[in-house]
Amino acid sequence: MPGINEILVIVVLAAVVIFGAKKIPELAKTFGKAKSEFEKGKIEGEKELNDFKNKEKKLD
């Protein structure tokens, strides 16, 4: 049964074969930006939900 190191090596090699060595840093940068935008959206959504809950409490 392969360990985590072997699986990581296989995944990295597959990524290099599929995308090419030059494309991987660009993909990593894109994924990083996407994660950042997701986190910003999550925080903004939580803030809006809290604002809505607070507004609802004031009406009661």
N, C-alpha and C. Protein backbone atom coordinates (compact mmCIF):
# COMPACT_ATOMS: atom_id res chain seq x y z
N MET A 1 0.85 -1.18 0.00
CA MET A 1 0.00 0.00 0.00
C MET A 1 0.90 1.24 0.00
N PRO A 2 0.68 2.16 -0.95
CA PRO A 2 1.54 3.34 -1.04
C PRO A 2 1.29 4.32 0.11
N GLY A 3 2.37 4.93 0.55
CA GLY A 3 2.28 5.93 1.61
C GLY A 3 1.99 7.30 1.02
N ILE A 4 1.91 8.28 1.89
CA ILE A 4 1.58 9.64 1.47
C ILE A 4 2.66 10.22 0.56
N ASN A 5 3.91 9.89 0.82
CA ASN A 5 5.00 10.41 -0.02
C ASN A 5 4.91 9.89 -1.45
N GLU A 6 4.62 8.61 -1.58
CA GLU A 6 4.49 8.04 -2.92
C GLU A 6 3.32 8.65 -3.67
N ILE A 7 2.22 8.87 -2.97
CA ILE A 7 1.05 9.48 -3.60
C ILE A 7 1.36 10.90 -4.06
N LEU A 8 2.06 11.67 -3.23
CA LEU A 8 2.43 13.03 -3.61
C LEU A 8 3.33 13.05 -4.84
N VAL A 9 4.27 12.14 -4.89
CA VAL A 9 5.17 12.06 -6.05
C VAL A 9 4.36 11.75 -7.31
N ILE A 10 3.44 10.83 -7.22
CA ILE A 10 2.62 10.46 -8.37
C ILE A 10 1.77 11.65 -8.82
N VAL A 11 1.18 12.36 -7.88
CA VAL A 11 0.34 13.52 -8.21
C VAL A 11 1.18 14.61 -8.87
N VAL A 12 2.34 14.89 -8.34
CA VAL A 12 3.21 15.92 -8.92
C VAL A 12 3.65 15.52 -10.32
N LEU A 13 4.04 14.29 -10.50
CA LEU A 13 4.45 13.83 -11.83
C LEU A 13 3.28 13.90 -12.82
N ALA A 14 2.11 13.52 -12.38
CA ALA A 14 0.94 13.59 -13.26
C ALA A 14 0.65 15.04 -13.64
N ALA A 15 0.78 15.95 -12.69
CA ALA A 15 0.54 17.37 -12.97
C ALA A 15 1.54 17.90 -13.98
N VAL A 16 2.79 17.50 -13.84
CA VAL A 16 3.83 17.95 -14.78
C VAL A 16 3.54 17.41 -16.17
N VAL A 17 3.13 16.16 -16.25
CA VAL A 17 2.83 15.57 -17.55
C VAL A 17 1.61 16.22 -18.18
N ILE A 18 0.58 16.46 -17.39
CA ILE A 18 -0.67 17.01 -17.93
C ILE A 18 -0.52 18.49 -18.30
N PHE A 19 0.03 19.28 -17.39
CA PHE A 19 0.06 20.73 -17.58
C PHE A 19 1.38 21.27 -18.10
N GLY A 20 2.44 20.55 -17.91
CA GLY A 20 3.76 21.05 -18.30
C GLY A 20 4.38 21.82 -17.15
N ALA A 21 5.69 21.81 -17.10
CA ALA A 21 6.42 22.41 -15.98
C ALA A 21 6.23 23.92 -15.91
N LYS A 22 6.06 24.58 -17.04
CA LYS A 22 5.93 26.04 -17.04
C LYS A 22 4.54 26.48 -16.59
N LYS A 23 3.56 25.66 -16.75
CA LYS A 23 2.17 26.03 -16.44
C LYS A 23 1.85 25.86 -14.96
N ILE A 24 2.56 25.02 -14.25
CA ILE A 24 2.23 24.72 -12.84
C ILE A 24 2.32 25.96 -11.94
N PRO A 25 3.36 26.79 -12.02
CA PRO A 25 3.37 27.99 -11.16
C PRO A 25 2.19 28.93 -11.45
N GLU A 26 1.82 29.03 -12.70
CA GLU A 26 0.68 29.87 -13.07
C GLU A 26 -0.61 29.30 -12.47
N LEU A 27 -0.76 27.99 -12.52
CA LEU A 27 -1.94 27.36 -11.93
C LEU A 27 -1.97 27.55 -10.41
N ALA A 28 -0.82 27.43 -9.78
CA ALA A 28 -0.75 27.63 -8.32
C ALA A 28 -1.14 29.06 -7.96
N LYS A 29 -0.67 30.01 -8.73
CA LYS A 29 -1.01 31.41 -8.49
C LYS A 29 -2.51 31.64 -8.65
N THR A 30 -3.09 31.04 -9.67
CA THR A 30 -4.52 31.17 -9.91
C THR A 30 -5.32 30.54 -8.77
N PHE A 31 -4.90 29.37 -8.32
CA PHE A 31 -5.60 28.73 -7.20
C PHE A 31 -5.48 29.56 -5.94
N GLY A 32 -4.33 30.17 -5.72
CA GLY A 32 -4.14 31.03 -4.55
C GLY A 32 -5.07 32.24 -4.58
N LYS A 33 -5.19 32.85 -5.74
CA LYS A 33 -6.09 34.00 -5.89
C LYS A 33 -7.54 33.57 -5.68
N ALA A 34 -7.90 32.42 -6.23
CA ALA A 34 -9.26 31.93 -6.08
C ALA A 34 -9.58 31.65 -4.62
N LYS A 35 -8.64 31.07 -3.91
CA LYS A 35 -8.84 30.79 -2.48
C LYS A 35 -9.02 32.09 -1.71
N SER A 36 -8.21 33.08 -2.05
CA SER A 36 -8.30 34.38 -1.38
C SER A 36 -9.66 35.02 -1.62
N GLU A 37 -10.12 34.98 -2.85
CA GLU A 37 -11.43 35.55 -3.17
C GLU A 37 -12.55 34.79 -2.46
N PHE A 38 -12.41 33.48 -2.37
CA PHE A 38 -13.41 32.68 -1.67
C PHE A 38 -13.47 33.07 -0.20
N GLU A 39 -12.31 33.23 0.42
CA GLU A 39 -12.26 33.62 1.83
C GLU A 39 -12.89 35.00 2.04
N LYS A 40 -12.59 35.94 1.14
CA LYS A 40 -13.19 37.28 1.23
C LYS A 40 -14.71 37.20 1.14
N GLY A 41 -15.19 36.41 0.20
CA GLY A 41 -16.63 36.24 0.03
C GLY A 41 -17.27 35.59 1.24
N LYS A 42 -16.59 34.63 1.81
CA LYS A 42 -17.09 33.94 3.00
C LYS A 42 -17.22 34.92 4.16
N ILE A 43 -16.19 35.73 4.37
CA ILE A 43 -16.21 36.71 5.45
C ILE A 43 -17.32 37.74 5.22
N GLU A 44 -17.44 38.19 3.98
CA GLU A 44 -18.47 39.17 3.66
C GLU A 44 -19.87 38.58 3.86
N GLY A 45 -20.05 37.33 3.47
CA GLY A 45 -21.34 36.67 3.66
C GLY A 45 -21.68 36.51 5.13
N GLU A 46 -20.70 36.14 5.94
CA GLU A 46 -20.93 36.01 7.38
C GLU A 46 -21.28 37.36 7.99
N LYS A 47 -20.62 38.41 7.53
CA LYS A 47 -20.90 39.75 8.05
C LYS A 47 -22.33 40.16 7.70
N GLU A 48 -22.73 39.92 6.47
CA GLU A 48 -24.09 40.27 6.06
C GLU A 48 -25.12 39.46 6.84
N LEU A 49 -24.84 38.20 7.09
CA LEU A 49 -25.75 37.36 7.87
C LEU A 49 -25.88 37.88 9.29
N ASN A 50 -24.75 38.26 9.90
CA ASN A 50 -24.79 38.81 11.25
C ASN A 50 -25.54 40.14 11.28
N ASP A 51 -25.33 40.98 10.27
CA ASP A 51 -26.05 42.25 10.19
C ASP A 51 -27.56 42.00 10.08
N PHE A 52 -27.93 41.03 9.28
CA PHE A 52 -29.35 40.70 9.11
C PHE A 52 -29.94 40.19 10.42
N LYS A 53 -29.20 39.33 11.12
CA LYS A 53 -29.69 38.81 12.40
C LYS A 53 -29.84 39.93 13.41
N ASN A 54 -28.87 40.84 13.46
CA ASN A 54 -28.95 41.96 14.40
C ASN A 54 -30.13 42.88 14.06
N LYS A 55 -30.35 43.11 12.79
CA LYS A 55 -31.46 43.95 12.35
C LYS A 55 -32.79 43.29 12.71
N GLU A 56 -32.85 41.98 12.55
CA GLU A 56 -34.06 41.23 12.88
C GLU A 56 -34.35 41.28 14.38
N LYS A 57 -33.29 41.21 15.20
CA LYS A 57 -33.46 41.27 16.65
C LYS A 57 -33.99 42.64 17.07
N LYS A 58 -33.54 43.69 16.40
CA LYS A 58 -33.99 45.04 16.74
C LYS A 58 -35.47 45.23 16.43
N LEU A 59 -35.96 44.54 15.40
CA LEU A 59 -37.36 44.65 15.02
C LEU A 59 -38.27 43.93 16.01
N ASP A 60 -37.74 42.92 16.68
CA ASP A 60 -38.55 42.15 17.65
C ASP A 60 -38.73 42.87 18.92
